[in-house]
């Protein structure tokens, strides 16, 4: 979490994609937080303006990814940020 705080403090875009990883890209930071099973990181990202409905590559949006993976706690949290 401290790295997220640091990067956002430097002006990092919370909705930036990981295009550097080319076709292996996962998505925006919310995708990574969901895959890490970290509700705290997801909530932090959302509070900083992350878009839970931004579609990225094959993963789709963070909301759709959490829904597809059956991660109900994450789906419920993401629903609070339309």
N, C-alpha and C. Protein backbone atom coordinates (compact mmCIF):
# COMPACT_ATOMS: atom_id res chain seq x y z
N UNK A 1 0.83 -1.19 0.00
CA UNK A 1 0.00 0.00 0.00
C UNK A 1 0.87 1.25 0.00
N UNK A 2 2.00 1.21 0.67
CA UNK A 2 2.85 2.40 0.72
C UNK A 2 3.35 2.79 -0.67
N UNK A 3 3.59 1.82 -1.54
CA UNK A 3 4.02 2.13 -2.90
C UNK A 3 2.88 2.81 -3.67
N UNK A 4 1.66 2.37 -3.46
CA UNK A 4 0.51 3.00 -4.12
C UNK A 4 0.39 4.45 -3.69
N UNK A 5 0.53 4.69 -2.40
CA UNK A 5 0.45 6.05 -1.87
C UNK A 5 1.56 6.90 -2.47
N UNK A 6 2.76 6.36 -2.53
CA UNK A 6 3.91 7.07 -3.09
C UNK A 6 3.68 7.43 -4.56
N UNK A 7 3.27 6.46 -5.36
CA UNK A 7 3.08 6.69 -6.79
C UNK A 7 1.97 7.70 -7.06
N UNK A 8 0.89 7.62 -6.33
CA UNK A 8 -0.19 8.58 -6.51
C UNK A 8 0.27 9.97 -6.09
N UNK A 9 1.07 10.04 -5.04
CA UNK A 9 1.65 11.31 -4.61
C UNK A 9 2.53 11.94 -5.68
N UNK A 10 3.15 11.10 -6.50
CA UNK A 10 3.99 11.59 -7.60
C UNK A 10 3.17 11.96 -8.83
N UNK A 11 1.86 11.71 -8.77
CA UNK A 11 1.00 12.06 -9.89
C UNK A 11 0.66 10.90 -10.82
N UNK A 12 0.96 9.67 -10.40
CA UNK A 12 0.64 8.50 -11.21
C UNK A 12 -0.86 8.40 -11.44
N UNK A 13 -1.26 8.11 -12.66
CA UNK A 13 -2.67 7.99 -13.03
C UNK A 13 -3.21 6.65 -12.53
N UNK A 14 -4.21 6.69 -11.65
CA UNK A 14 -4.76 5.46 -11.09
C UNK A 14 -5.51 4.62 -12.12
N UNK A 15 -5.74 5.20 -13.31
CA UNK A 15 -6.42 4.46 -14.37
C UNK A 15 -5.49 4.11 -15.52
N UNK A 16 -4.18 4.30 -15.31
CA UNK A 16 -3.20 3.99 -16.36
C UNK A 16 -3.10 2.48 -16.52
N UNK A 17 -2.96 2.03 -17.76
CA UNK A 17 -2.81 0.61 -18.02
C UNK A 17 -1.34 0.22 -18.02
N UNK A 18 -1.11 -1.04 -17.91
CA UNK A 18 0.26 -1.57 -17.91
C UNK A 18 0.67 -2.00 -19.31
N UNK A 19 0.60 -1.08 -20.26
CA UNK A 19 0.93 -1.36 -21.66
C UNK A 19 2.36 -1.85 -21.83
N UNK A 20 3.21 -1.55 -20.88
CA UNK A 20 4.61 -1.98 -20.95
C UNK A 20 4.71 -3.49 -21.07
N UNK A 21 3.75 -4.19 -20.50
CA UNK A 21 3.79 -5.66 -20.50
C UNK A 21 3.23 -6.25 -21.80
N UNK A 22 2.98 -5.43 -22.78
CA UNK A 22 2.46 -5.82 -24.10
C UNK A 22 1.23 -6.70 -24.00
N UNK A 23 1.20 -7.80 -24.71
CA UNK A 23 -0.01 -8.62 -24.74
C UNK A 23 -0.23 -9.42 -23.46
N UNK A 24 0.68 -9.33 -22.50
CA UNK A 24 0.49 -9.99 -21.21
C UNK A 24 -0.09 -9.03 -20.17
N UNK A 25 -0.50 -7.85 -20.61
CA UNK A 25 -1.02 -6.84 -19.70
C UNK A 25 -2.25 -7.37 -18.95
N UNK A 26 -2.34 -6.99 -17.70
CA UNK A 26 -3.49 -7.35 -16.88
C UNK A 26 -4.49 -6.20 -16.85
N UNK A 27 -4.03 -4.99 -16.78
CA UNK A 27 -4.96 -3.86 -16.76
C UNK A 27 -4.48 -2.69 -15.95
N UNK A 28 -5.42 -2.10 -15.24
CA UNK A 28 -5.12 -0.94 -14.40
C UNK A 28 -4.81 -1.44 -12.98
N UNK A 29 -4.35 -0.56 -12.11
CA UNK A 29 -4.01 -1.02 -10.75
C UNK A 29 -5.14 -1.77 -10.02
N UNK A 30 -6.40 -1.41 -10.31
CA UNK A 30 -7.49 -2.15 -9.67
C UNK A 30 -7.47 -3.63 -10.04
N UNK A 31 -7.13 -3.95 -11.27
CA UNK A 31 -7.02 -5.36 -11.66
C UNK A 31 -6.01 -6.09 -10.77
N UNK A 32 -4.87 -5.45 -10.56
CA UNK A 32 -3.82 -6.07 -9.74
C UNK A 32 -4.26 -6.22 -8.29
N UNK A 33 -4.95 -5.20 -7.77
CA UNK A 33 -5.41 -5.27 -6.38
C UNK A 33 -6.44 -6.39 -6.20
N UNK A 34 -7.30 -6.57 -7.19
CA UNK A 34 -8.28 -7.66 -7.13
C UNK A 34 -7.57 -9.00 -7.18
N UNK A 35 -6.63 -9.14 -8.10
CA UNK A 35 -5.90 -10.41 -8.21
C UNK A 35 -5.10 -10.72 -6.95
N UNK A 36 -4.71 -9.67 -6.22
CA UNK A 36 -3.98 -9.85 -4.97
C UNK A 36 -4.92 -10.09 -3.78
N UNK A 37 -6.23 -10.10 -4.07
CA UNK A 37 -7.24 -10.31 -3.02
C UNK A 37 -7.13 -9.26 -1.92
N UNK A 38 -6.90 -8.00 -2.31
CA UNK A 38 -6.72 -6.93 -1.33
C UNK A 38 -7.86 -5.92 -1.40
N UNK A 39 -8.85 -6.11 -0.53
CA UNK A 39 -9.96 -5.16 -0.45
C UNK A 39 -9.46 -3.77 -0.09
N UNK A 40 -8.46 -3.69 0.77
CA UNK A 40 -7.95 -2.39 1.20
C UNK A 40 -7.35 -1.62 0.02
N UNK A 41 -6.61 -2.31 -0.85
CA UNK A 41 -6.01 -1.66 -2.01
C UNK A 41 -7.07 -1.27 -3.03
N UNK A 42 -8.07 -2.11 -3.20
CA UNK A 42 -9.16 -1.77 -4.12
C UNK A 42 -9.89 -0.53 -3.61
N UNK A 43 -10.22 -0.52 -2.34
CA UNK A 43 -10.93 0.63 -1.76
C UNK A 43 -10.08 1.90 -1.87
N UNK A 44 -8.79 1.79 -1.60
CA UNK A 44 -7.89 2.94 -1.72
C UNK A 44 -7.90 3.47 -3.15
N UNK A 45 -7.77 2.57 -4.12
CA UNK A 45 -7.78 2.99 -5.52
C UNK A 45 -9.08 3.67 -5.90
N UNK A 46 -10.18 3.11 -5.47
CA UNK A 46 -11.49 3.71 -5.76
C UNK A 46 -11.61 5.10 -5.15
N UNK A 47 -11.14 5.23 -3.92
CA UNK A 47 -11.19 6.54 -3.26
C UNK A 47 -10.32 7.57 -3.96
N UNK A 48 -9.31 7.11 -4.69
CA UNK A 48 -8.42 8.02 -5.42
C UNK A 48 -8.87 8.23 -6.87
N UNK A 49 -10.03 7.68 -7.22
CA UNK A 49 -10.60 7.94 -8.53
C UNK A 49 -10.46 6.83 -9.56
N UNK A 50 -10.03 5.66 -9.17
CA UNK A 50 -9.91 4.55 -10.11
C UNK A 50 -11.30 4.19 -10.65
N UNK A 51 -11.36 3.85 -11.93
CA UNK A 51 -12.62 3.53 -12.60
C UNK A 51 -12.83 2.01 -12.63
N UNK A 52 -13.79 1.52 -11.85
CA UNK A 52 -14.01 0.07 -11.80
C UNK A 52 -14.64 -0.50 -13.07
N UNK A 53 -15.05 0.39 -13.97
CA UNK A 53 -15.72 -0.06 -15.19
C UNK A 53 -14.89 0.20 -16.45
N UNK A 54 -13.61 0.55 -16.27
CA UNK A 54 -12.75 0.80 -17.43
C UNK A 54 -12.35 -0.53 -18.05
N UNK A 55 -12.80 -0.79 -19.30
CA UNK A 55 -12.42 -2.06 -19.95
C UNK A 55 -10.98 -2.03 -20.42
N UNK A 56 -10.26 -3.10 -20.13
CA UNK A 56 -8.86 -3.19 -20.54
C UNK A 56 -8.59 -4.59 -21.08
N UNK A 57 -8.17 -4.68 -22.31
CA UNK A 57 -7.75 -5.94 -22.91
C UNK A 57 -8.69 -7.10 -22.67
N UNK A 58 -8.12 -8.27 -22.51
CA UNK A 58 -8.91 -9.49 -22.33
C UNK A 58 -9.56 -9.60 -20.96
N UNK A 59 -9.03 -8.88 -19.99
CA UNK A 59 -9.60 -8.94 -18.64
C UNK A 59 -10.92 -8.21 -18.54
N UNK A 60 -11.16 -7.27 -19.44
CA UNK A 60 -12.35 -6.44 -19.32
C UNK A 60 -12.16 -5.46 -18.17
N UNK A 61 -13.24 -4.98 -17.63
CA UNK A 61 -13.16 -4.02 -16.53
C UNK A 61 -12.84 -4.75 -15.22
N UNK A 62 -12.32 -4.03 -14.24
CA UNK A 62 -12.09 -4.65 -12.93
C UNK A 62 -13.38 -5.25 -12.36
N UNK A 63 -14.50 -4.55 -12.56
CA UNK A 63 -15.78 -5.06 -12.07
C UNK A 63 -16.12 -6.39 -12.72
N UNK A 64 -16.02 -6.46 -14.04
CA UNK A 64 -16.34 -7.70 -14.76
C UNK A 64 -15.39 -8.82 -14.38
N UNK A 65 -14.12 -8.49 -14.16
CA UNK A 65 -13.15 -9.51 -13.77
C UNK A 65 -13.52 -10.10 -12.41
N UNK A 66 -13.83 -9.23 -11.44
CA UNK A 66 -14.20 -9.70 -10.10
C UNK A 66 -15.47 -10.54 -10.17
N UNK A 67 -16.41 -10.09 -10.99
CA UNK A 67 -17.66 -10.82 -11.15
C UNK A 67 -17.41 -12.21 -11.76
N UNK A 68 -16.61 -12.24 -12.80
CA UNK A 68 -16.29 -13.50 -13.49
C UNK A 68 -15.58 -14.49 -12.56
N UNK A 69 -14.73 -13.96 -11.66
CA UNK A 69 -13.97 -14.81 -10.74
C UNK A 69 -14.76 -15.17 -9.48
N UNK A 70 -16.00 -14.68 -9.38
CA UNK A 70 -16.84 -14.99 -8.23
C UNK A 70 -16.36 -14.35 -6.94
N UNK A 71 -15.72 -13.20 -7.06
CA UNK A 71 -15.18 -12.49 -5.88
C UNK A 71 -16.24 -11.51 -5.38
N UNK A 72 -17.23 -12.04 -4.69
CA UNK A 72 -18.41 -11.28 -4.31
C UNK A 72 -18.13 -10.07 -3.43
N UNK A 73 -17.17 -10.17 -2.52
CA UNK A 73 -16.84 -9.01 -1.67
C UNK A 73 -16.34 -7.86 -2.53
N UNK A 74 -15.55 -8.18 -3.54
CA UNK A 74 -15.02 -7.16 -4.43
C UNK A 74 -16.12 -6.58 -5.31
N UNK A 75 -16.99 -7.45 -5.81
CA UNK A 75 -18.11 -6.99 -6.63
C UNK A 75 -18.97 -6.02 -5.84
N UNK A 76 -19.29 -6.37 -4.59
CA UNK A 76 -20.09 -5.50 -3.74
C UNK A 76 -19.43 -4.15 -3.53
N UNK A 77 -18.12 -4.15 -3.30
CA UNK A 77 -17.38 -2.90 -3.11
C UNK A 77 -17.37 -2.09 -4.39
N UNK A 78 -17.09 -2.72 -5.51
CA UNK A 78 -17.03 -2.01 -6.79
C UNK A 78 -18.38 -1.44 -7.20
N UNK A 79 -19.45 -2.09 -6.81
CA UNK A 79 -20.81 -1.58 -7.12
C UNK A 79 -21.07 -0.23 -6.47
N UNK A 80 -20.35 0.06 -5.41
CA UNK A 80 -20.55 1.33 -4.71
C UNK A 80 -19.95 2.52 -5.45
N UNK A 81 -19.21 2.23 -6.52
CA UNK A 81 -18.53 3.27 -7.31
C UNK A 81 -18.95 3.15 -8.77
N UNK A 82 -20.14 3.67 -9.12
CA UNK A 82 -20.65 3.52 -10.49
C UNK A 82 -19.87 4.31 -11.53
